[in-house]
Structures are given as C-alpha cells and as structure tokens.
Protein backbone atom coordinates (compact mmCIF):
# COMPACT_ATOMS: atom_id res chain seq x y z
CA UNK A 1 3.05 -162.54 70.73
CA UNK A 2 0.96 -160.37 73.68
CA UNK A 3 3.99 -158.04 73.19
CA UNK A 4 3.83 -156.76 70.02
CA UNK A 5 1.74 -154.78 68.38
CA UNK A 6 -0.74 -155.41 65.59
CA UNK A 7 0.13 -154.21 61.83
CA UNK A 8 -2.76 -151.31 62.30
CA UNK A 9 -1.20 -149.48 65.14
CA UNK A 10 2.78 -149.19 64.17
CA UNK A 11 2.38 -147.10 61.73
CA UNK A 12 -0.32 -145.14 64.40
CA UNK A 13 2.60 -145.35 66.84
CA UNK A 14 5.31 -144.36 64.23
CA UNK A 15 3.83 -141.52 63.82
CA UNK A 16 3.01 -140.32 67.27
CA UNK A 17 6.64 -140.96 68.08
CA UNK A 18 7.84 -138.73 65.78
CA UNK A 19 5.41 -136.13 66.89
CA UNK A 20 6.28 -136.12 70.38
CA UNK A 21 9.77 -136.00 69.44
CA UNK A 22 9.63 -132.88 66.86
CA UNK A 23 7.91 -131.24 68.87
CA UNK A 24 10.77 -132.11 72.39
CA UNK A 25 12.98 -130.94 70.42
CA UNK A 26 11.01 -127.31 69.68
CA UNK A 27 10.98 -127.47 73.62
CA UNK A 28 14.44 -127.78 74.00
CA UNK A 29 14.68 -125.27 71.33
CA UNK A 30 13.13 -122.84 73.15
CA UNK A 31 14.48 -123.53 76.57
CA UNK A 32 18.08 -123.22 75.11
CA UNK A 33 17.66 -120.06 73.86
CA UNK A 34 15.48 -118.71 76.85
CA UNK A 35 18.40 -119.65 78.55
CA UNK A 36 20.59 -117.43 76.64
CA UNK A 37 18.59 -114.71 75.68
CA UNK A 38 15.45 -114.63 78.77
CA UNK A 39 11.92 -114.68 78.02
CA UNK A 40 11.20 -115.63 74.37
CA UNK A 41 7.11 -115.74 74.63
CA UNK A 42 5.59 -113.25 72.20
CA UNK A 43 9.09 -112.43 69.95
CA UNK A 44 9.99 -113.67 66.31
CA UNK A 45 12.51 -116.59 67.68
CA UNK A 46 8.40 -117.29 69.13
CA UNK A 47 7.41 -117.20 66.49
CA UNK A 48 9.18 -118.66 63.75
CA UNK A 49 8.97 -122.23 66.82
CA UNK A 50 5.29 -122.08 65.98
CA UNK A 51 5.45 -121.91 61.96
CA UNK A 52 8.82 -124.85 62.22
CA UNK A 53 5.72 -127.05 64.27
CA UNK A 54 3.42 -125.99 61.62
CA UNK A 55 5.56 -126.69 59.22
CA UNK A 56 6.22 -130.07 60.58
CA UNK A 57 3.35 -131.72 61.12
CA UNK A 58 3.06 -132.07 57.26
CA UNK A 59 6.11 -133.52 57.02
CA UNK A 60 4.96 -136.08 59.05
CA UNK A 61 3.43 -137.86 56.61
CA UNK A 62 6.88 -137.58 54.13
CA UNK A 63 8.11 -138.43 57.26
CA UNK A 64 6.67 -141.92 58.01
CA UNK A 65 6.61 -143.31 54.38
CA UNK A 66 10.13 -142.28 54.20
CA UNK A 67 10.99 -144.72 57.32
CA UNK A 68 8.12 -147.20 55.98
CA UNK A 69 9.84 -147.45 52.67
CA UNK A 70 13.60 -147.72 54.36
CA UNK A 71 11.49 -150.35 56.46
CA UNK A 72 10.68 -152.47 54.04
CA UNK A 73 13.61 -152.44 52.10
CA UNK A 74 15.32 -153.65 54.96
CA UNK A 75 13.21 -156.48 55.77
CA UNK A 76 13.56 -156.91 52.08
CA UNK A 77 17.16 -157.63 52.59
CA UNK A 78 17.21 -159.32 55.13
CA UNK A 79 14.65 -162.07 54.04
CA UNK A 80 17.22 -162.40 50.31
CA UNK A 81 19.87 -163.29 52.87
CA UNK A 82 18.74 -164.99 54.59
CA UNK A 83 16.80 -167.24 51.98
CA UNK A 84 20.87 -167.17 50.32
CA UNK A 85 22.19 -168.37 53.64
CA UNK A 86 20.35 -171.54 53.99
CA UNK A 87 20.10 -172.33 50.18
CA UNK A 88 24.21 -172.48 50.52
C-alpha cells in the first residue's frame, strides 16, 4: 500500500501534471515555430504564447474539476457494473 498516493495528494499531483503538460506543449509549439520562422523573442507570436499560458493558468481549475468528475463517474459505473455482475 506504500505506492498509493493519499487522497489529498491526488488532486495536487493532477494539477501539477496538467500544468507541466501545458507548459511543455507551449515550449514545443515555440520550438516548432522557431524552426520554421527563426527566433521569435519579443514578437507577436511570443506574446500570444505568453497570453495562452496565462489563460491556461486560469483554466487549470475547471480542467481539474472536469477530470475529477469523469473519474468519479467512471468509478461509479465500475462499482455498479461489478455489483450487478456479482448479483447475477
């Protein structure tokens, strides 16, 4: 049981994972744009990426809520299906 995260650590881990994936995706987009267009420091593309990162920061909470709801529904469906199989 040592490998399982506590119930308090799971949402924090999920938030950090979402944030890291978002930041990695933005850096990947910037790298691809720089490969084709050259350096983009202090251009409108760089500003756009910063604004998207700022927007993503505020979308983390709704995204985390959405993921938590989907996981809760999936767990409820599994519980219902396993109880009906056991009763049958």
